[in-house]
């Protein structure tokens, strides 16, 4: 049985990043832009993860600025 093109590209991404996602749905959510999800009527997109990433980045930059 052969993998679908999406599964094959996801496996290639895992290999290139050197990670293995335990939850493939989380990887797909992280890679799905809000506009694409809207056009395809998908329920999940990367907006939550983007917000979390921005918050973590803000925390790190603030900490670095405070220490400097």
PDB file of N, CA and C in Angstrom:
ATOM      1  N   UNK A   1       0.845  -1.168   0.000  1.00  0.00           N
ATOM      2  CA  UNK A   1       0.000   0.000   0.000  1.00  0.00           C
ATOM      3  C   UNK A   1       0.898   1.242   0.000  1.00  0.00           C
ATOM      4  N   UNK A   2       0.650   2.180  -0.897  1.00  0.00           N
ATOM      5  CA  UNK A   2       1.460   3.388  -0.989  1.00  0.00           C
ATOM      6  C   UNK A   2       0.812   4.523  -0.210  1.00  0.00           C
ATOM      7  N   UNK A   3       1.645   5.416   0.272  1.00  0.00           N
ATOM      8  CA  UNK A   3       1.161   6.568   1.036  1.00  0.00           C
ATOM      9  C   UNK A   3       0.614   7.626   0.089  1.00  0.00           C
ATOM     10  N   UNK A   4      -0.346   8.395   0.581  1.00  0.00           N
ATOM     11  CA  UNK A   4      -0.875   9.497  -0.213  1.00  0.00           C
ATOM     12  C   UNK A   4       0.206  10.569  -0.336  1.00  0.00           C
ATOM     13  N   UNK A   5       0.083  11.468  -1.329  1.00  0.00           N
ATOM     14  CA  UNK A   5       1.084  12.540  -1.461  1.00  0.00           C
ATOM     15  C   UNK A   5       1.218  13.385  -0.195  1.00  0.00           C
ATOM     16  N   UNK A   6       0.108  13.615   0.512  1.00  0.00           N
ATOM     17  CA  UNK A   6       0.171  14.404   1.739  1.00  0.00           C
ATOM     18  C   UNK A   6       0.922  13.642   2.824  1.00  0.00           C
ATOM     19  N   UNK A   7       0.630  12.350   2.970  1.00  0.00           N
ATOM     20  CA  UNK A   7       1.346  11.546   3.961  1.00  0.00           C
ATOM     21  C   UNK A   7       2.825  11.474   3.634  1.00  0.00           C
ATOM     22  N   UNK A   8       3.154  11.321   2.345  1.00  0.00           N
ATOM     23  CA  UNK A   8       4.553  11.238   1.931  1.00  0.00           C
ATOM     24  C   UNK A   8       5.280  12.548   2.211  1.00  0.00           C
ATOM     25  N   UNK A   9       4.650  13.678   1.911  1.00  0.00           N
ATOM     26  CA  UNK A   9       5.305  14.964   2.168  1.00  0.00           C
ATOM     27  C   UNK A   9       5.414  15.228   3.664  1.00  0.00           C
ATOM     28  N   UNK A  10       4.437  14.775   4.444  1.00  0.00           N
ATOM     29  CA  UNK A  10       4.510  14.930   5.895  1.00  0.00           C
ATOM     30  C   UNK A  10       5.648  14.096   6.464  1.00  0.00           C
ATOM     31  N   UNK A  11       5.811  12.879   5.963  1.00  0.00           N
ATOM     32  CA  UNK A  11       6.924  12.041   6.397  1.00  0.00           C
ATOM     33  C   UNK A  11       8.253  12.669   6.005  1.00  0.00           C
ATOM     34  N   UNK A  12       8.326  13.268   4.825  1.00  0.00           N
ATOM     35  CA  UNK A  12       9.544  13.930   4.382  1.00  0.00           C
ATOM     36  C   UNK A  12       9.851  15.134   5.265  1.00  0.00           C
ATOM     37  N   UNK A  13       8.822  15.863   5.676  1.00  0.00           N
ATOM     38  CA  UNK A  13       9.010  17.003   6.565  1.00  0.00           C
ATOM     39  C   UNK A  13       9.546  16.538   7.909  1.00  0.00           C
ATOM     40  N   UNK A  14       8.956  15.483   8.463  1.00  0.00           N
ATOM     41  CA  UNK A  14       9.444  14.936   9.731  1.00  0.00           C
ATOM     42  C   UNK A  14      10.915  14.558   9.625  1.00  0.00           C
ATOM     43  N   UNK A  15      11.267  13.920   8.539  1.00  0.00           N
ATOM     44  CA  UNK A  15      12.646  13.501   8.326  1.00  0.00           C
ATOM     45  C   UNK A  15      13.571  14.706   8.208  1.00  0.00           C
ATOM     46  N   UNK A  16      13.166  15.720   7.455  1.00  0.00           N
ATOM     47  CA  UNK A  16      13.987  16.917   7.272  1.00  0.00           C
ATOM     48  C   UNK A  16      14.169  17.682   8.579  1.00  0.00           C
ATOM     49  N   UNK A  17      13.125  17.725   9.409  1.00  0.00           N
ATOM     50  CA  UNK A  17      13.201  18.437  10.682  1.00  0.00           C
ATOM     51  C   UNK A  17      13.872  17.609  11.769  1.00  0.00           C
ATOM     52  N   UNK A  18      13.939  16.311  11.534  1.00  0.00           N
ATOM     53  CA  UNK A  18      14.522  15.424  12.535  1.00  0.00           C
ATOM     54  C   UNK A  18      13.619  15.200  13.729  1.00  0.00           C
ATOM     55  N   UNK A  19      12.318  15.273  13.498  1.00  0.00           N
ATOM     56  CA  UNK A  19      11.336  15.060  14.567  1.00  0.00           C
ATOM     57  C   UNK A  19      10.309  14.033  14.107  1.00  0.00           C
ATOM     58  N   UNK A  20       9.625  13.486  15.071  1.00  0.00           N
ATOM     59  CA  UNK A  20       8.532  12.576  14.765  1.00  0.00           C
ATOM     60  C   UNK A  20       7.338  13.007  15.606  1.00  0.00           C
ATOM     61  N   UNK A  21       6.311  13.481  14.954  1.00  0.00           N
ATOM     62  CA  UNK A  21       5.122  13.942  15.665  1.00  0.00           C
ATOM     63  C   UNK A  21       4.314  12.751  16.158  1.00  0.00           C
ATOM     64  N   UNK A  22       3.987  12.748  17.437  1.00  0.00           N
ATOM     65  CA  UNK A  22       3.136  11.687  17.977  1.00  0.00           C
ATOM     66  C   UNK A  22       1.716  11.841  17.476  1.00  0.00           C
ATOM     67  N   UNK A  23       1.306  13.086  17.271  1.00  0.00           N
ATOM     68  CA  UNK A  23      -0.049  13.374  16.812  1.00  0.00           C
ATOM     69  C   UNK A  23       0.047  14.067  15.452  1.00  0.00           C
ATOM     70  N   UNK A  24      -0.185  13.313  14.387  1.00  0.00           N
ATOM     71  CA  UNK A  24      -0.085  13.866  13.033  1.00  0.00           C
ATOM     72  C   UNK A  24      -1.091  14.991  12.809  1.00  0.00           C
ATOM     73  N   UNK A  25      -2.220  14.959  13.503  1.00  0.00           N
ATOM     74  CA  UNK A  25      -3.227  16.014  13.349  1.00  0.00           C
ATOM     75  C   UNK A  25      -2.688  17.355  13.849  1.00  0.00           C
ATOM     76  N   UNK A  26      -1.854  17.323  14.875  1.00  0.00           N
ATOM     77  CA  UNK A  26      -1.255  18.557  15.385  1.00  0.00           C
ATOM     78  C   UNK A  26      -0.307  19.158  14.351  1.00  0.00           C
ATOM     79  N   UNK A  27       0.467  18.313  13.686  1.00  0.00           N
ATOM     80  CA  UNK A  27       1.352  18.799  12.616  1.00  0.00           C
ATOM     81  C   UNK A  27       0.528  19.417  11.497  1.00  0.00           C
ATOM     82  N   UNK A  28      -0.541  18.774  11.107  1.00  0.00           N
ATOM     83  CA  UNK A  28      -1.385  19.299  10.034  1.00  0.00           C
ATOM     84  C   UNK A  28      -2.017  20.632  10.442  1.00  0.00           C
ATOM     85  N   UNK A  29      -2.440  20.738  11.700  1.00  0.00           N
ATOM     86  CA  UNK A  29      -3.011  21.999  12.183  1.00  0.00           C
ATOM     87  C   UNK A  29      -1.969  23.104  12.134  1.00  0.00           C
ATOM     88  N   UNK A  30      -0.750  22.799  12.536  1.00  0.00           N
ATOM     89  CA  UNK A  30       0.318  23.795  12.547  1.00  0.00           C
ATOM     90  C   UNK A  30       0.647  24.289  11.141  1.00  0.00           C
ATOM     91  N   UNK A  31       0.413  23.467  10.150  1.00  0.00           N
ATOM     92  CA  UNK A  31       0.751  23.810   8.775  1.00  0.00           C
ATOM     93  C   UNK A  31      -0.430  24.341   7.964  1.00  0.00           C
ATOM     94  N   UNK A  32      -1.601  24.456   8.585  1.00  0.00           N
ATOM     95  CA  UNK A  32      -2.804  24.886   7.868  1.00  0.00           C
ATOM     96  C   UNK A  32      -3.106  26.348   8.178  1.00  0.00           C
ATOM     97  N   UNK A  33      -2.933  27.203   7.191  1.00  0.00           N
ATOM     98  CA  UNK A  33      -3.207  28.625   7.356  1.00  0.00           C
ATOM     99  C   UNK A  33      -4.710  28.867   7.449  1.00  0.00           C
ATOM    100  N   UNK A  34      -5.074  29.908   8.193  1.00  0.00           N
ATOM    101  CA  UNK A  34      -6.490  30.219   8.427  1.00  0.00           C
ATOM    102  C   UNK A  34      -7.267  30.421   7.121  1.00  0.00           C
ATOM    103  N   UNK A  35      -6.676  31.122   6.159  1.00  0.00           N
ATOM    104  CA  UNK A  35      -7.400  31.385   4.907  1.00  0.00           C
ATOM    105  C   UNK A  35      -7.636  30.097   4.124  1.00  0.00           C
ATOM    106  N   UNK A  36      -6.652  29.194   4.127  1.00  0.00           N
ATOM    107  CA  UNK A  36      -6.823  27.910   3.445  1.00  0.00           C
ATOM    108  C   UNK A  36      -7.905  27.087   4.139  1.00  0.00           C
ATOM    109  N   UNK A  37      -7.881  27.070   5.468  1.00  0.00           N
ATOM    110  CA  UNK A  37      -8.893  26.322   6.216  1.00  0.00           C
ATOM    111  C   UNK A  37     -10.284  26.858   5.917  1.00  0.00           C
ATOM    112  N   UNK A  38     -10.410  28.189   5.822  1.00  0.00           N
ATOM    113  CA  UNK A  38     -11.705  28.792   5.504  1.00  0.00           C
ATOM    114  C   UNK A  38     -12.167  28.384   4.111  1.00  0.00           C
ATOM    115  N   UNK A  39     -11.262  28.450   3.128  1.00  0.00           N
ATOM    116  CA  UNK A  39     -11.618  28.095   1.747  1.00  0.00           C
ATOM    117  C   UNK A  39     -12.016  26.636   1.615  1.00  0.00           C
ATOM    118  N   UNK A  40     -11.396  25.771   2.405  1.00  0.00           N
ATOM    119  CA  UNK A  40     -11.658  24.329   2.320  1.00  0.00           C
ATOM    120  C   UNK A  40     -12.672  23.847   3.354  1.00  0.00           C
ATOM    121  N   UNK A  41     -13.241  24.770   4.123  1.00  0.00           N
ATOM    122  CA  UNK A  41     -14.208  24.453   5.179  1.00  0.00           C
ATOM    123  C   UNK A  41     -13.631  23.461   6.193  1.00  0.00           C
ATOM    124  N   UNK A  42     -12.379  23.701   6.575  1.00  0.00           N
ATOM    125  CA  UNK A  42     -11.732  22.866   7.584  1.00  0.00           C
ATOM    126  C   UNK A  42     -11.991  23.469   8.960  1.00  0.00           C
ATOM    127  N   UNK A  43     -12.119  22.615   9.951  1.00  0.00           N
ATOM    128  CA  UNK A  43     -12.440  23.082  11.293  1.00  0.00           C
ATOM    129  C   UNK A  43     -11.212  23.565  12.055  1.00  0.00           C
ATOM    130  N   UNK A  44     -10.027  23.145  11.653  1.00  0.00           N
ATOM    131  CA  UNK A  44      -8.828  23.468  12.432  1.00  0.00           C
ATOM    132  C   UNK A  44      -7.812  24.208  11.574  1.00  0.00           C
ATOM    133  N   UNK A  45      -7.089  25.140  12.208  1.00  0.00           N
ATOM    134  CA  UNK A  45      -6.033  25.870  11.512  1.00  0.00           C
ATOM    135  C   UNK A  45      -4.943  26.226  12.522  1.00  0.00           C
ATOM    136  N   UNK A  46      -3.939  26.953  12.061  1.00  0.00           N
ATOM    137  CA  UNK A  46      -2.783  27.234  12.908  1.00  0.00           C
ATOM    138  C   UNK A  46      -2.919  28.493  13.758  1.00  0.00           C
ATOM    139  N   UNK A  47      -4.079  29.099  13.792  1.00  0.00           N
ATOM    140  CA  UNK A  47      -4.230  30.373  14.500  1.00  0.00           C
ATOM    141  C   UNK A  47      -3.933  30.242  15.996  1.00  0.00           C
ATOM    142  N   UNK A  48      -4.439  29.201  16.639  1.00  0.00           N
ATOM    143  CA  UNK A  48      -4.154  28.994  18.071  1.00  0.00           C
ATOM    144  C   UNK A  48      -2.667  28.798  18.309  1.00  0.00           C
ATOM    145  N   UNK A  49      -2.042  27.972  17.477  1.00  0.00           N
ATOM    146  CA  UNK A  49      -0.620  27.703  17.634  1.00  0.00           C
ATOM    147  C   UNK A  49       0.213  28.941  17.333  1.00  0.00           C
ATOM    148  N   UNK A  50      -0.228  29.740  16.367  1.00  0.00           N
ATOM    149  CA  UNK A  50       0.478  30.981  16.043  1.00  0.00           C
ATOM    150  C   UNK A  50       0.407  31.939  17.226  1.00  0.00           C
ATOM    151  N   UNK A  51      -0.750  32.050  17.845  1.00  0.00           N
ATOM    152  CA  UNK A  51      -0.905  32.908  19.017  1.00  0.00           C
ATOM    153  C   UNK A  51       0.002  32.434  20.147  1.00  0.00           C
ATOM    154  N   UNK A  52       0.041  31.133  20.380  1.00  0.00           N
ATOM    155  CA  UNK A  52       0.899  30.580  21.427  1.00  0.00           C
ATOM    156  C   UNK A  52       2.365  30.871  21.131  1.00  0.00           C
ATOM    157  N   UNK A  53       2.782  30.660  19.884  1.00  0.00           N
ATOM    158  CA  UNK A  53       4.164  30.920  19.497  1.00  0.00           C
ATOM    159  C   UNK A  53       4.538  32.380  19.658  1.00  0.00           C
ATOM    160  N   UNK A  54       3.643  33.270  19.271  1.00  0.00           N
ATOM    161  CA  UNK A  54       3.892  34.703  19.430  1.00  0.00           C
ATOM    162  C   UNK A  54       4.022  35.066  20.916  1.00  0.00           C
ATOM    163  N   UNK A  55       3.199  34.453  21.746  1.00  0.00           N
ATOM    164  CA  UNK A  55       3.252  34.727  23.183  1.00  0.00           C
ATOM    165  C   UNK A  55       4.563  34.241  23.788  1.00  0.00           C
ATOM    166  N   UNK A  56       4.988  33.057  23.420  1.00  0.00           N
ATOM    167  CA  UNK A  56       6.256  32.517  23.921  1.00  0.00           C
ATOM    168  C   UNK A  56       7.421  33.373  23.444  1.00  0.00           C
ATOM    169  N   UNK A  57       7.411  33.755  22.179  1.00  0.00           N
ATOM    170  CA  UNK A  57       8.465  34.614  21.644  1.00  0.00           C
ATOM    171  C   UNK A  57       8.496  35.951  22.382  1.00  0.00           C
ATOM    172  N   UNK A  58       7.326  36.534  22.651  1.00  0.00           N
ATOM    173  CA  UNK A  58       7.256  37.781  23.400  1.00  0.00           C
ATOM    174  C   UNK A  58       7.829  37.636  24.799  1.00  0.00           C
ATOM    175  N   UNK A  59       7.547  36.519  25.445  1.00  0.00           N
ATOM    176  CA  UNK A  59       8.079  36.255  26.774  1.00  0.00           C
ATOM    177  C   UNK A  59       9.603  36.173  26.749  1.00  0.00           C
ATOM    178  N   UNK A  60      10.148  35.489  25.773  1.00  0.00           N
ATOM    179  CA  UNK A  60      11.597  35.339  25.665  1.00  0.00           C
ATOM    180  C   UNK A  60      12.269  36.683  25.396  1.00  0.00           C
ATOM    181  N   UNK A  61      11.724  37.450  24.474  1.00  0.00           N
ATOM    182  CA  UNK A  61      12.311  38.767  24.147  1.00  0.00           C
ATOM    183  C   UNK A  61      12.235  39.698  25.347  1.00  0.00           C
ATOM    184  N   UNK A  62      11.110  39.682  26.064  1.00  0.00           N
ATOM    185  CA  UNK A  62      10.963  40.516  27.243  1.00  0.00           C
ATOM    186  C   UNK A  62      11.979  40.137  28.307  1.00  0.00           C
ATOM    187  N   UNK A  63      12.165  38.847  28.527  1.00  0.00           N
ATOM    188  CA  UNK A  63      13.131  38.373  29.513  1.00  0.00           C
ATOM    189  C   UNK A  63      14.553  38.800  29.122  1.00  0.00           C
ATOM    190  N   UNK A  64      14.895  38.651  27.850  1.00  0.00           N
ATOM    191  CA  UNK A  64      16.225  39.040  27.383  1.00  0.00           C
ATOM    192  C   UNK A  64      16.435  40.550  27.550  1.00  0.00           C
ATOM    193  N   UNK A  65      15.423  41.344  27.222  1.00  0.00           N
ATOM    194  CA  UNK A  65      15.537  42.797  27.350  1.00  0.00           C
ATOM    195  C   UNK A  65      15.675  43.195  28.813  1.00  0.00           C
ATOM    196  N   UNK A  66      14.928  42.535  29.691  1.00  0.00           N
ATOM    197  CA  UNK A  66      15.002  42.849  31.108  1.00  0.00           C
ATOM    198  C   UNK A  66      16.390  42.525  31.660  1.00  0.00           C
ATOM    199  N   UNK A  67      16.937  41.373  31.257  1.00  0.00           N
ATOM    200  CA  UNK A  67      18.263  40.961  31.748  1.00  0.00           C
ATOM    201  C   UNK A  67      19.367  41.864  31.210  1.00  0.00           C
ATOM    202  N   UNK A  68      19.176  42.410  30.021  1.00  0.00           N
ATOM    203  CA  UNK A  68      20.206  43.282  29.413  1.00  0.00           C
ATOM    204  C   UNK A  68      20.150  44.633  30.070  1.00  0.00           C
TER     205      UNK A  68
END
